[in-house]
C-alpha atoms as a PDB file:
ATOM      1  CA  MET A   1     -43.334  19.688 -22.032  1.00  0.00           C
ATOM      2  CA  LYS A   2     -44.948  17.419 -24.396  1.00  0.00           C
ATOM      3  CA  ALA A   3     -47.650  15.453 -22.592  1.00  0.00           C
ATOM      4  CA  LEU A   4     -46.363  11.826 -22.741  1.00  0.00           C
ATOM      5  CA  SER A   5     -49.546  10.875 -21.122  1.00  0.00           C
ATOM      6  CA  VAL A   6     -51.600  11.268 -24.224  1.00  0.00           C
ATOM      7  CA  PHE A   7     -49.998   8.091 -25.540  1.00  0.00           C
ATOM      8  CA  LEU A   8     -50.721   6.073 -22.501  1.00  0.00           C
ATOM      9  CA  THR A   9     -54.250   5.067 -23.360  1.00  0.00           C
ATOM     10  CA  VAL A  10     -55.527   2.322 -21.102  1.00  0.00           C
ATOM     11  CA  PHE A  11     -58.946   0.740 -21.203  1.00  0.00           C
ATOM     12  CA  ILE A  12     -59.483  -0.531 -17.648  1.00  0.00           C
ATOM     13  CA  LEU A  13     -61.994  -3.412 -18.118  1.00  0.00           C
ATOM     14  CA  LEU A  14     -63.097  -3.512 -14.389  1.00  0.00           C
ATOM     15  CA  GLY A  15     -65.931  -6.031 -13.975  1.00  0.00           C
ATOM     16  CA  LEU A  16     -65.147  -7.727 -17.309  1.00  0.00           C
ATOM     17  CA  LEU A  17     -64.694 -10.892 -15.453  1.00  0.00           C
ATOM     18  CA  ALA A  18     -64.450 -11.475 -11.723  1.00  0.00           C
ATOM     19  CA  PRO A  19     -60.991 -12.544 -10.433  1.00  0.00           C
ATOM     20  CA  ALA A  20     -60.575 -16.138  -8.912  1.00  0.00           C
ATOM     21  CA  ALA A  21     -61.957 -16.415  -5.454  1.00  0.00           C
ATOM     22  CA  SER A  22     -58.569 -16.489  -3.654  1.00  0.00           C
ATOM     23  CA  ALA A  23     -56.716 -13.183  -3.063  1.00  0.00           C
ATOM     24  CA  ALA A  24     -59.606 -11.034  -4.126  1.00  0.00           C
ATOM     25  CA  ALA A  25     -60.142  -7.484  -3.104  1.00  0.00           C
ATOM     26  CA  PRO A  26     -63.636  -5.836  -2.929  1.00  0.00           C
ATOM     27  CA  ALA A  27     -64.961  -4.802  -6.313  1.00  0.00           C
ATOM     28  CA  LEU A  28     -63.617  -1.276  -7.368  1.00  0.00           C
ATOM     29  CA  VAL A  29     -61.390  -1.012  -4.319  1.00  0.00           C
ATOM     30  CA  ILE A  30     -57.619  -1.018  -4.962  1.00  0.00           C
ATOM     31  CA  PRO A  31     -54.737  -1.745  -2.452  1.00  0.00           C
ATOM     32  CA  THR A  32     -52.853   1.287  -1.342  1.00  0.00           C
ATOM     33  CA  PHE A  33     -50.273   2.114   1.374  1.00  0.00           C
ATOM     34  CA  ASP A  34     -48.834   5.197   3.097  1.00  0.00           C
ATOM     35  CA  ILE A  35     -45.362   5.807   4.466  1.00  0.00           C
ATOM     36  CA  VAL A  36     -45.503   5.916   8.178  1.00  0.00           C
ATOM     37  CA  SER A  37     -41.807   6.512   9.101  1.00  0.00           C
ATOM     38  CA  VAL A  38     -38.302   6.337   7.736  1.00  0.00           C
ATOM     39  CA  GLU A  39     -34.880   5.653   9.296  1.00  0.00           C
ATOM     40  CA  VAL A  40     -32.277   7.199   7.014  1.00  0.00           C
ATOM     41  CA  ASP A  41     -30.561   4.476   4.877  1.00  0.00           C
ATOM     42  CA  SER A  42     -31.892   1.872   7.196  1.00  0.00           C
ATOM     43  CA  LYS A  43     -35.694   1.143   7.336  1.00  0.00           C
ATOM     44  CA  VAL A  44     -39.062   2.273   6.086  1.00  0.00           C
ATOM     45  CA  THR A  45     -42.371   1.375   7.713  1.00  0.00           C
ATOM     46  CA  ILE A  46     -45.570   1.434   5.783  1.00  0.00           C
ATOM     47  CA  LYS A  47     -49.333   1.133   6.548  1.00  0.00           C
ATOM     48  CA  THR A  48     -51.631  -0.592   3.896  1.00  0.00           C
ATOM     49  CA  ALA A  49     -55.266  -0.163   3.187  1.00  0.00           C
ATOM     50  CA  ASN A  50     -57.678  -2.366   1.207  1.00  0.00           C
ATOM     51  CA  PHE A  51     -55.181  -5.278   0.860  1.00  0.00           C
ATOM     52  CA  PRO A  52     -56.651  -8.657  -0.217  1.00  0.00           C
ATOM     53  CA  LYS A  53     -56.683 -11.488   2.075  1.00  0.00           C
ATOM     54  CA  ASN A  54     -54.262 -14.416   2.097  1.00  0.00           C
ATOM     55  CA  ASP A  55     -52.020 -13.047  -0.679  1.00  0.00           C
ATOM     56  CA  THR A  56     -48.250 -12.848  -0.932  1.00  0.00           C
ATOM     57  CA  PHE A  57     -46.616  -9.591  -2.001  1.00  0.00           C
ATOM     58  CA  ASP A  58     -43.113  -9.151  -3.156  1.00  0.00           C
ATOM     59  CA  VAL A  59     -41.532  -5.844  -1.940  1.00  0.00           C
ATOM     60  CA  LEU A  60     -39.421  -3.930  -4.395  1.00  0.00           C
ATOM     61  CA  MET A  61     -37.451  -0.695  -4.007  1.00  0.00           C
ATOM     62  CA  ASN A  62     -35.884   1.292  -6.744  1.00  0.00           C
ATOM     63  CA  THR A  63     -34.883   4.872  -7.790  1.00  0.00           C
ATOM     64  CA  PHE A  64     -37.418   7.614  -7.524  1.00  0.00           C
ATOM     65  CA  GLY A  65     -39.725   7.721 -10.602  1.00  0.00           C
ATOM     66  CA  THR A  66     -39.698   4.060 -11.578  1.00  0.00           C
ATOM     67  CA  LEU A  67     -42.713   3.206  -9.543  1.00  0.00           C
ATOM     68  CA  GLY A  68     -40.572   0.361  -8.037  1.00  0.00           C
ATOM     69  CA  VAL A  69     -40.699  -1.543 -11.231  1.00  0.00           C
ATOM     70  CA  GLY A  70     -37.635  -3.645 -11.789  1.00  0.00           C
ATOM     71  CA  GLY A  71     -36.330  -2.821  -8.315  1.00  0.00           C
ATOM     72  CA  VAL A  72     -34.353  -4.707  -5.648  1.00  0.00           C
ATOM     73  CA  LYS A  73     -36.624  -7.361  -3.990  1.00  0.00           C
ATOM     74  CA  VAL A  74     -36.156  -6.752  -0.239  1.00  0.00           C
ATOM     75  CA  ALA A  75     -38.797  -9.039   1.098  1.00  0.00           C
ATOM     76  CA  SER A  76     -42.110 -10.940   0.525  1.00  0.00           C
ATOM     77  CA  VAL A  77     -44.998 -10.519   3.036  1.00  0.00           C
ATOM     78  CA  ASN A  78     -48.278 -12.335   3.464  1.00  0.00           C
ATOM     79  CA  SER A  79     -51.350 -10.157   3.629  1.00  0.00           C
ATOM     80  CA  GLY A  80     -53.038 -12.467   6.148  1.00  0.00           C
ATOM     81  CA  ALA A  81     -56.466 -11.009   7.174  1.00  0.00           C
ATOM     82  CA  GLY A  82     -55.914  -8.216   4.613  1.00  0.00           C
ATOM     83  CA  GLY A  83     -57.087  -4.615   4.942  1.00  0.00           C
ATOM     84  CA  VAL A  84     -54.934  -2.418   7.216  1.00  0.00           C
ATOM     85  CA  LEU A  85     -51.414  -3.843   7.914  1.00  0.00           C
ATOM     86  CA  THR A  86     -48.152  -2.449   9.066  1.00  0.00           C
ATOM     87  CA  PHE A  87     -44.802  -3.586   7.781  1.00  0.00           C
ATOM     88  CA  THR A  88     -41.164  -2.488   8.132  1.00  0.00           C
ATOM     89  CA  PHE A  89     -38.636  -3.164   5.339  1.00  0.00           C
ATOM     90  CA  ASP A  90     -34.906  -2.649   5.098  1.00  0.00           C
ATOM     91  CA  ILE A  91     -33.533  -0.200   2.588  1.00  0.00           C
ATOM     92  CA  PRO A  92     -31.198  -2.131   0.271  1.00  0.00           C
ATOM     93  CA  ALA A  93     -27.584  -1.192   0.159  1.00  0.00           C
ATOM     94  CA  SER A  94     -27.693  -0.143  -3.558  1.00  0.00           C
ATOM     95  CA  LEU A  95     -30.114   2.628  -2.795  1.00  0.00           C
ATOM     96  CA  LYS A  96     -28.604   4.127   0.372  1.00  0.00           C
ATOM     97  CA  GLY A  97     -27.628   7.737   0.040  1.00  0.00           C
ATOM     98  CA  LEU A  98     -30.482   8.505  -2.352  1.00  0.00           C
ATOM     99  CA  SER A  99     -32.790  11.267  -1.147  1.00  0.00           C
ATOM    100  CA  ARG A 100     -35.896   9.635  -2.472  1.00  0.00           C
ATOM    101  CA  ILE A 101     -36.772   6.030  -2.979  1.00  0.00           C
ATOM    102  CA  ALA A 102     -39.714   4.226  -4.816  1.00  0.00           C
ATOM    103  CA  ILE A 103     -41.314   1.266  -3.084  1.00  0.00           C
ATOM    104  CA  ARG A 104     -43.665  -1.228  -4.662  1.00  0.00           C
ATOM    105  CA  LEU A 105     -45.749  -4.170  -3.237  1.00  0.00           C
ATOM    106  CA  GLN A 106     -46.792  -6.502  -5.939  1.00  0.00           C
ATOM    107  CA  SER A 107     -48.350 -10.013  -5.938  1.00  0.00           C
ATOM    108  CA  PRO A 108     -46.886 -12.562  -8.297  1.00  0.00           C
ATOM    109  CA  THR A 109     -50.012 -14.615  -8.196  1.00  0.00           C
ATOM    110  CA  SER A 110     -53.054 -12.309  -8.070  1.00  0.00           C
ATOM    111  CA  GLY A 111     -51.433  -9.385  -9.876  1.00  0.00           C
ATOM    112  CA  TYR A 112     -52.536  -6.861  -7.291  1.00  0.00           C
ATOM    113  CA  PHE A 113     -50.056  -4.120  -6.795  1.00  0.00           C
ATOM    114  CA  SER A 114     -49.462  -0.794  -5.092  1.00  0.00           C
ATOM    115  CA  TYR A 115     -46.557   1.710  -5.090  1.00  0.00           C
ATOM    116  CA  ASN A 116     -45.456   4.867  -3.302  1.00  0.00           C
ATOM    117  CA  TRP A 117     -42.231   6.761  -2.567  1.00  0.00           C
ATOM    118  CA  PHE A 118     -40.458   8.200   0.483  1.00  0.00           C
ATOM    119  CA  GLU A 119     -37.889  10.795   1.428  1.00  0.00           C
ATOM    120  CA  ASN A 120     -34.806   8.899   2.722  1.00  0.00           C
ATOM    121  CA  ASN A 121     -34.484  11.196   5.735  1.00  0.00           C
ATOM    122  CA  THR A 122     -36.335  12.047   8.832  1.00  0.00           C
ATOM    123  CA  SER A 123     -37.150  15.703   7.981  1.00  0.00           C
ATOM    124  CA  GLY A 124     -39.083  15.199   4.827  1.00  0.00           C
ATOM    125  CA  THR A 125     -36.917  17.815   2.982  1.00  0.00           C
ATOM    126  CA  PRO A 126     -34.717  16.758   0.018  1.00  0.00           C
ATOM    127  CA  SER A 127     -31.329  18.285  -0.746  1.00  0.00           C
ATOM    128  CA  PRO A 128     -30.737  19.735  -3.246  1.00  0.00           C
ATOM    129  CA  SER A 129     -34.219  21.057  -3.791  1.00  0.00           C
ATOM    130  CA  VAL A 130     -36.439  23.041  -6.099  1.00  0.00           C
ATOM    131  CA  PRO A 131     -39.005  25.648  -5.079  1.00  0.00           C
ATOM    132  CA  SER A 132     -42.120  24.372  -3.262  1.00  0.00           C
ATOM    133  CA  GLY A 133     -44.711  23.238  -5.749  1.00  0.00           C
ATOM    134  CA  LYS A 134     -42.290  23.123  -8.659  1.00  0.00           C
ATOM    135  CA  ILE A 135     -40.959  20.150 -10.392  1.00  0.00           C
ATOM    136  CA  PRO A 136     -38.122  19.812 -12.883  1.00  0.00           C
ATOM    137  CA  THR A 137     -39.263  19.617 -16.585  1.00  0.00           C
ATOM    138  CA  PHE A 138     -37.707  20.050 -20.002  1.00  0.00           C
ATOM    139  CA  ASP A 139     -38.813  20.762 -23.649  1.00  0.00           C
ATOM    140  CA  ILE A 140     -37.351  19.537 -26.875  1.00  0.00           C
ATOM    141  CA  VAL A 141     -35.682  22.372 -28.765  1.00  0.00           C
ATOM    142  CA  SER A 142     -34.402  20.612 -31.772  1.00  0.00           C
ATOM    143  CA  VAL A 143     -33.397  17.295 -33.231  1.00  0.00           C
ATOM    144  CA  GLU A 144     -30.794  16.177 -35.753  1.00  0.00           C
ATOM    145  CA  VAL A 145     -32.024  12.789 -37.215  1.00  0.00           C
ATOM    146  CA  ASP A 146     -30.219   9.871 -35.685  1.00  0.00           C
ATOM    147  CA  SER A 147     -27.599  12.240 -34.315  1.00  0.00           C
ATOM    148  CA  LYS A 148     -28.478  14.805 -31.605  1.00  0.00           C
ATOM    149  CA  VAL A 149     -31.235  16.204 -29.516  1.00  0.00           C
ATOM    150  CA  THR A 150     -31.258  19.603 -27.769  1.00  0.00           C
ATOM    151  CA  ILE A 151     -33.359  20.287 -24.694  1.00  0.00           C
ATOM    152  CA  LYS A 152     -34.152  23.279 -22.524  1.00  0.00           C
ATOM    153  CA  THR A 153     -34.990  22.723 -18.802  1.00  0.00           C
ATOM    154  CA  ALA A 154     -37.140  24.406 -16.182  1.00  0.00           C
ATOM    155  CA  ASN A 155     -37.131  24.319 -12.414  1.00  0.00           C
ATOM    156  CA  PHE A 156     -33.945  22.154 -12.202  1.00  0.00           C
ATOM    157  CA  PRO A 157     -32.316  22.014  -8.718  1.00  0.00           C
ATOM    158  CA  LYS A 158     -28.964  23.596  -8.173  1.00  0.00           C
ATOM    159  CA  ASN A 159     -25.665  21.713  -7.948  1.00  0.00           C
ATOM    160  CA  ASP A 160     -27.131  18.301  -8.796  1.00  0.00           C
ATOM    161  CA  LYS A 161     -26.025  15.687 -11.288  1.00  0.00           C
ATOM    162  CA  PHE A 162     -28.375  14.107 -13.752  1.00  0.00           C
ATOM    163  CA  ASP A 163     -27.896  10.931 -15.701  1.00  0.00           C
ATOM    164  CA  VAL A 164     -29.383  11.193 -19.181  1.00  0.00           C
ATOM    165  CA  LEU A 165     -31.089   8.145 -20.454  1.00  0.00           C
ATOM    166  CA  MET A 166     -32.739   7.340 -23.853  1.00  0.00           C
ATOM    167  CA  GLY A 167     -34.925   4.544 -24.690  1.00  0.00           C
ATOM    168  CA  LYS A 168     -37.902   3.322 -26.940  1.00  0.00           C
ATOM    169  CA  ILE A 169     -41.153   5.337 -26.821  1.00  0.00           C
ATOM    170  CA  GLY A 170     -43.414   4.408 -24.013  1.00  0.00           C
ATOM    171  CA  THR A 171     -40.605   3.535 -21.552  1.00  0.00           C
ATOM    172  CA  ARG A 172     -40.217   7.113 -20.099  1.00  0.00           C
ATOM    173  CA  GLY A 173     -36.567   6.422 -20.482  1.00  0.00           C
ATOM    174  CA  ILE A 174     -36.621   3.898 -17.641  1.00  0.00           C
ATOM    175  CA  GLY A 175     -33.850   1.304 -18.164  1.00  0.00           C
ATOM    176  CA  GLY A 176     -32.736   3.207 -21.256  1.00  0.00           C
ATOM    177  CA  THR A 177     -29.226   3.716 -22.617  1.00  0.00           C
ATOM    178  CA  LYS A 178     -27.134   6.185 -20.461  1.00  0.00           C
ATOM    179  CA  VAL A 179     -25.683   8.689 -22.918  1.00  0.00           C
ATOM    180  CA  THR A 180     -24.035  11.123 -20.498  1.00  0.00           C
ATOM    181  CA  SER A 181     -24.303  12.880 -17.098  1.00  0.00           C
ATOM    182  CA  VAL A 182     -24.740  16.589 -16.743  1.00  0.00           C
ATOM    183  CA  ASP A 183     -24.272  18.930 -13.699  1.00  0.00           C
ATOM    184  CA  SER A 184     -27.273  21.319 -13.136  1.00  0.00           C
ATOM    185  CA  GLY A 185     -24.986  24.130 -11.852  1.00  0.00           C
ATOM    186  CA  ALA A 186     -27.064  27.252 -11.107  1.00  0.00           C
ATOM    187  CA  GLY A 187     -30.210  25.211 -11.799  1.00  0.00           C
ATOM    188  CA  GLY A 188     -33.363  26.639 -13.243  1.00  0.00           C
ATOM    189  CA  VAL A 189     -33.268  27.086 -17.055  1.00  0.00           C
ATOM    190  CA  LEU A 190     -30.484  25.173 -18.771  1.00  0.00           C
ATOM    191  CA  THR A 191     -29.717  24.037 -22.345  1.00  0.00           C
ATOM    192  CA  PHE A 192     -28.068  20.764 -23.199  1.00  0.00           C
ATOM    193  CA  THR A 193     -27.326  18.765 -26.384  1.00  0.00           C
ATOM    194  CA  PHE A 194     -27.072  14.952 -26.324  1.00  0.00           C
ATOM    195  CA  ASP A 195     -25.989  12.386 -28.861  1.00  0.00           C
ATOM    196  CA  ILE A 196     -28.660   9.813 -29.761  1.00  0.00           C
ATOM    197  CA  PRO A 197     -27.214   6.281 -28.979  1.00  0.00           C
ATOM    198  CA  ALA A 198     -26.558   3.953 -31.929  1.00  0.00           C
ATOM    199  CA  SER A 199     -28.996   1.361 -30.618  1.00  0.00           C
ATOM    200  CA  LEU A 200     -31.961   3.856 -31.091  1.00  0.00           C
ATOM    201  CA  LYS A 201     -31.093   5.259 -34.549  1.00  0.00           C
ATOM    202  CA  GLY A 202     -33.757   4.508 -37.080  1.00  0.00           C
ATOM    203  CA  LEU A 203     -36.527   4.773 -34.506  1.00  0.00           C
ATOM    204  CA  GLY A 204     -39.427   7.199 -35.195  1.00  0.00           C
ATOM    205  CA  GLN A 205     -39.770   8.377 -31.644  1.00  0.00           C
ATOM    206  CA  ILE A 206     -37.455   8.150 -28.699  1.00  0.00           C
ATOM    207  CA  ALA A 207     -37.967   8.647 -24.995  1.00  0.00           C
ATOM    208  CA  ILE A 208     -35.469  10.758 -23.026  1.00  0.00           C
ATOM    209  CA  ARG A 209     -35.043  10.943 -19.176  1.00  0.00           C
ATOM    210  CA  LEU A 210     -32.884  12.970 -16.993  1.00  0.00           C
ATOM    211  CA  GLN A 211     -32.585  11.529 -13.423  1.00  0.00           C
ATOM    212  CA  SER A 212     -30.422  12.239 -10.445  1.00  0.00           C
ATOM    213  CA  PRO A 213     -28.903   9.278  -8.669  1.00  0.00           C
ATOM    214  CA  THR A 214     -28.473  11.237  -5.606  1.00  0.00           C
ATOM    215  CA  SER A 215     -31.442  13.558  -4.994  1.00  0.00           C
ATOM    216  CA  GLY A 216     -34.009  11.471  -6.895  1.00  0.00           C
ATOM    217  CA  TYR A 217     -35.260  14.340  -8.969  1.00  0.00           C
ATOM    218  CA  PHE A 218     -36.135  13.339 -12.576  1.00  0.00           C
ATOM    219  CA  SER A 219     -37.974  14.532 -15.588  1.00  0.00           C
ATOM    220  CA  TYR A 220     -38.797  12.802 -18.856  1.00  0.00           C
ATOM    221  CA  ASN A 221     -40.020  13.617 -22.345  1.00  0.00           C
ATOM    222  CA  TRP A 222     -39.889  12.213 -25.985  1.00  0.00           C
ATOM    223  CA  PHE A 223     -39.163  13.393 -29.411  1.00  0.00           C
ATOM    224  CA  TRP A 224     -39.742  12.698 -33.062  1.00  0.00           C
ATOM    225  CA  ASN A 225     -36.340  11.508 -34.413  1.00  0.00           C
ATOM    226  CA  ASN A 226     -36.539  13.848 -37.412  1.00  0.00           C
ATOM    227  CA  THR A 227     -36.082  17.393 -38.275  1.00  0.00           C
ATOM    228  CA  SER A 228     -39.795  18.231 -39.379  1.00  0.00           C
ATOM    229  CA  SER A 229     -40.897  19.494 -36.097  1.00  0.00           C
ATOM    230  CA  GLY A 230     -43.094  16.564 -34.997  1.00  0.00           C
ATOM    231  CA  THR A 231     -44.115  15.010 -38.326  1.00  0.00           C
ATOM    232  CA  PRO A 232     -43.216  11.236 -38.287  1.00  0.00           C
ATOM    233  CA  SER A 233     -41.101  10.026 -41.131  1.00  0.00           C
ATOM    234  CA  THR A 234     -42.356   6.471 -40.604  1.00  0.00           C
ATOM    235  CA  PRO A 235     -45.808   4.983 -40.843  1.00  0.00           C
ATOM    236  CA  GLY A 236     -48.080   7.782 -39.351  1.00  0.00           C
ATOM    237  CA  LEU A 237     -51.550   8.631 -38.099  1.00  0.00           C
ATOM    238  CA  PRO A 238     -53.204  12.059 -38.188  1.00  0.00           C
ATOM    239  CA  ALA A 239     -52.255  14.550 -35.366  1.00  0.00           C
ATOM    240  CA  GLY A 240     -53.941  13.615 -32.116  1.00  0.00           C
ATOM    241  CA  VAL A 241     -54.848  10.046 -33.162  1.00  0.00           C
ATOM    242  CA  PHE A 242     -53.227   7.126 -31.500  1.00  0.00           C
ATOM    243  CA  PRO A 243     -53.577   3.268 -31.687  1.00  0.00           C
ATOM    244  CA  THR A 244     -55.522   1.479 -29.016  1.00  0.00           C
ATOM    245  CA  PHE A 245     -57.027  -1.972 -28.528  1.00  0.00           C
ATOM    246  CA  THR A 246     -59.623  -3.781 -26.477  1.00  0.00           C
ATOM    247  CA  ILE A 247     -59.849  -7.381 -25.205  1.00  0.00           C
ATOM    248  CA  ILE A 248     -62.675  -9.292 -26.817  1.00  0.00           C
ATOM    249  CA  ALA A 249     -61.946 -12.917 -25.723  1.00  0.00           C
ATOM    250  CA  VAL A 250     -59.675 -14.932 -23.451  1.00  0.00           C
ATOM    251  CA  SER A 251     -59.000 -18.654 -23.219  1.00  0.00           C
ATOM    252  CA  GLN A 252     -57.589 -19.130 -19.737  1.00  0.00           C
ATOM    253  CA  ASP A 253     -53.821 -19.794 -19.819  1.00  0.00           C
ATOM    254  CA  ASN A 254     -54.065 -20.275 -23.567  1.00  0.00           C
ATOM    255  CA  THR A 255     -54.829 -17.232 -25.790  1.00  0.00           C
ATOM    256  CA  VAL A 256     -56.237 -13.691 -25.847  1.00  0.00           C
ATOM    257  CA  THR A 257     -57.954 -11.965 -28.732  1.00  0.00           C
ATOM    258  CA  VAL A 258     -57.681  -8.221 -29.129  1.00  0.00           C
ATOM    259  CA  LYS A 259     -59.478  -5.797 -31.393  1.00  0.00           C
ATOM    260  CA  THR A 260     -57.414  -2.699 -32.402  1.00  0.00           C
ATOM    261  CA  SER A 261     -58.446   0.798 -33.515  1.00  0.00           C
ATOM    262  CA  ASN A 262     -56.312   3.400 -35.345  1.00  0.00           C
ATOM    263  CA  LEU A 263     -53.356   1.136 -36.194  1.00  0.00           C
ATOM    264  CA  PRO A 264     -50.977   2.826 -38.597  1.00  0.00           C
ATOM    265  CA  LYS A 265     -50.641   1.273 -42.035  1.00  0.00           C
ATOM    266  CA  ASP A 266     -47.750  -0.934 -43.131  1.00  0.00           C
ATOM    267  CA  ASP A 267     -46.088  -1.081 -39.741  1.00  0.00           C
ATOM    268  CA  ASP A 268     -44.813  -3.883 -37.526  1.00  0.00           C
ATOM    269  CA  PHE A 269     -45.853  -4.218 -33.918  1.00  0.00           C
ATOM    270  CA  ASP A 270     -44.070  -6.387 -31.335  1.00  0.00           C
ATOM    271  CA  VAL A 271     -46.536  -7.966 -28.864  1.00  0.00           C
ATOM    272  CA  TYR A 272     -45.439  -8.316 -25.256  1.00  0.00           C
ATOM    273  CA  MET A 273     -47.145  -9.752 -22.179  1.00  0.00           C
ATOM    274  CA  GLY A 274     -46.118  -9.213 -18.536  1.00  0.00           C
ATOM    275  CA  LEU A 275     -47.244  -8.947 -14.976  1.00  0.00           C
ATOM    276  CA  TYR A 276     -50.272  -6.799 -14.338  1.00  0.00           C
ATOM    277  CA  GLY A 277     -49.158  -3.274 -13.467  1.00  0.00           C
ATOM    278  CA  THR A 278     -46.184  -3.318 -15.808  1.00  0.00           C
ATOM    279  CA  LYS A 279     -48.040  -2.109 -18.897  1.00  0.00           C
ATOM    280  CA  GLY A 280     -46.172  -4.808 -20.664  1.00  0.00           C
ATOM    281  CA  VAL A 281     -42.924  -2.933 -20.484  1.00  0.00           C
ATOM    282  CA  GLY A 282     -40.100  -5.557 -20.382  1.00  0.00           C
ATOM    283  CA  GLY A 283     -42.451  -8.356 -20.800  1.00  0.00           C
ATOM    284  CA  THR A 284     -42.242 -11.558 -22.809  1.00  0.00           C
ATOM    285  CA  LYS A 285     -42.277 -10.971 -26.555  1.00  0.00           C
ATOM    286  CA  VAL A 286     -44.990 -13.463 -27.935  1.00  0.00           C
ATOM    287  CA  THR A 287     -44.998 -12.375 -31.594  1.00  0.00           C
ATOM    288  CA  THR A 288     -44.774  -9.617 -34.192  1.00  0.00           C
ATOM    289  CA  VAL A 289     -47.716  -8.601 -36.353  1.00  0.00           C
ATOM    290  CA  ASP A 290     -47.945  -6.624 -39.586  1.00  0.00           C
ATOM    291  CA  THR A 291     -50.548  -3.880 -39.459  1.00  0.00           C
ATOM    292  CA  GLY A 292     -51.318  -4.147 -43.287  1.00  0.00           C
ATOM    293  CA  THR A 293     -54.047  -1.677 -44.059  1.00  0.00           C
ATOM    294  CA  GLY A 294     -54.078  -0.532 -40.381  1.00  0.00           C
ATOM    295  CA  GLY A 295     -57.236   0.658 -38.597  1.00  0.00           C
ATOM    296  CA  THR A 296     -59.373  -1.952 -36.987  1.00  0.00           C
ATOM    297  CA  GLN A 297     -58.045  -5.376 -36.849  1.00  0.00           C
ATOM    298  CA  THR A 298     -58.372  -8.625 -34.727  1.00  0.00           C
ATOM    299  CA  PHE A 299     -55.484 -10.715 -33.505  1.00  0.00           C
ATOM    300  CA  THR A 300     -55.168 -13.669 -31.215  1.00  0.00           C
ATOM    301  CA  PHE A 301     -52.021 -14.175 -29.252  1.00  0.00           C
ATOM    302  CA  ASP A 302     -50.743 -17.121 -27.158  1.00  0.00           C
ATOM    303  CA  ILE A 303     -50.283 -16.511 -23.500  1.00  0.00           C
ATOM    304  CA  PRO A 304     -46.646 -17.321 -22.632  1.00  0.00           C
ATOM    305  CA  ALA A 305     -45.759 -20.154 -20.259  1.00  0.00           C
ATOM    306  CA  GLY A 306     -44.242 -17.851 -17.623  1.00  0.00           C
ATOM    307  CA  LEU A 307     -47.562 -16.020 -17.161  1.00  0.00           C
ATOM    308  CA  LYS A 308     -49.813 -19.025 -16.988  1.00  0.00           C
ATOM    309  CA  GLY A 309     -51.603 -19.025 -13.603  1.00  0.00           C
ATOM    310  CA  GLN A 310     -51.629 -15.287 -13.249  1.00  0.00           C
ATOM    311  CA  GLN A 311     -55.056 -13.667 -12.631  1.00  0.00           C
ATOM    312  CA  ARG A 312     -54.287 -10.680 -14.544  1.00  0.00           C
ATOM    313  CA  ILE A 313     -51.989 -10.095 -17.419  1.00  0.00           C
ATOM    314  CA  ALA A 314     -50.664  -6.880 -19.038  1.00  0.00           C
ATOM    315  CA  ILE A 315     -50.388  -6.804 -22.816  1.00  0.00           C
ATOM    316  CA  ARG A 316     -48.596  -4.330 -25.108  1.00  0.00           C
ATOM    317  CA  MET A 317     -48.273  -3.711 -28.778  1.00  0.00           C
ATOM    318  CA  GLN A 318     -45.254  -1.529 -29.770  1.00  0.00           C
ATOM    319  CA  SER A 319     -43.568  -0.687 -33.035  1.00  0.00           C
ATOM    320  CA  PRO A 320     -39.834  -0.716 -32.938  1.00  0.00           C
ATOM    321  CA  THR A 321     -39.703   1.506 -36.037  1.00  0.00           C
ATOM    322  CA  SER A 322     -42.450   4.194 -35.669  1.00  0.00           C
ATOM    323  CA  GLY A 323     -42.501   4.137 -31.931  1.00  0.00           C
ATOM    324  CA  TYR A 324     -46.358   3.895 -31.822  1.00  0.00           C
ATOM    325  CA  PHE A 325     -47.704   1.672 -29.002  1.00  0.00           C
ATOM    326  CA  ALA A 326     -50.731   0.785 -26.978  1.00  0.00           C
ATOM    327  CA  TYR A 327     -51.309  -1.367 -24.022  1.00  0.00           C
ATOM    328  CA  ASN A 328     -54.106  -2.880 -21.933  1.00  0.00           C
ATOM    329  CA  TRP A 329     -54.640  -5.824 -19.514  1.00  0.00           C
ATOM    330  CA  PHE A 330     -57.052  -8.748 -19.060  1.00  0.00           C
ATOM    331  CA  TRP A 331     -58.427 -11.109 -16.543  1.00  0.00           C
ATOM    332  CA  ASN A 332     -56.870 -14.581 -17.231  1.00  0.00           C
ATOM    333  CA  ASN A 333     -60.286 -16.312 -17.153  1.00  0.00           C
ATOM    334  CA  THR A 334     -62.148 -17.794 -20.197  1.00  0.00           C
ATOM    335  CA  TYR A 335     -64.313 -15.083 -21.685  1.00  0.00           C
ATOM    336  CA  PRO A 336     -66.918 -14.531 -23.165  1.00  0.00           C
END
């Protein structure tokens, strides 16, 4: 399986600027929570740690593998004294019947978030299942440009159904176009060929995801949309080199200035901003920039109205043609 993670370069600028005094967690401590108990298709109880004081968190649930992003909002809770807290939430009707469910607590004001997942049963054993310690994966076997992609699986569970989703690079296929559903049959090693959807034709890189709506098992990968075994047909960079950017200045609720590294030449990047923790995926598009000579460049972008007042903001630069992308985040305080 190609390591998608090599593209997910994030510069975590902890300590760049202190957050506003309200809803602040101790320095270098992040909110987390554990699953305490589950009532099948009914309720889940969690226990938090390191939660900030006097903050409000939206509670989202979604299919396993989404980290809760874009899920069903089931409640909002106040963190009160912060620290260790216990909450019980109803499982939404649209997720009942799933074996695994992702749950996310995220503050729309401070930007703090935490996520986890749980088995939607009382025994902790999913059905259908894969051998202990194994997870479903798949490799890309071949690609026909703008036409088809063939994959080969490993460790797939038996007698399960998987939806096949394709989307832009960097999305891991989440929220992508559903191209078909397949039955895993005897499980294990399987080979499938899928059509590339019309909306993704012309892209240099495409994310692909197989996800079961019943068991919750999933796997994702990506592929170059060409037949040259990994060599991009669109503006490219040397093997093992990827675009990144750092935050060099912020004007609170006004603008953010970034400095890039390793931008490909003659490419266009869409610039998105969203809530902290989203990596900018599905965020507000603020502009498109031409990379020109590529490499190191400085850009200043306006902060969209919908994110003004947020303590932390995610920012993403992504090319709709070559598929290259990079993301970061910044404290929404004036700096330097």
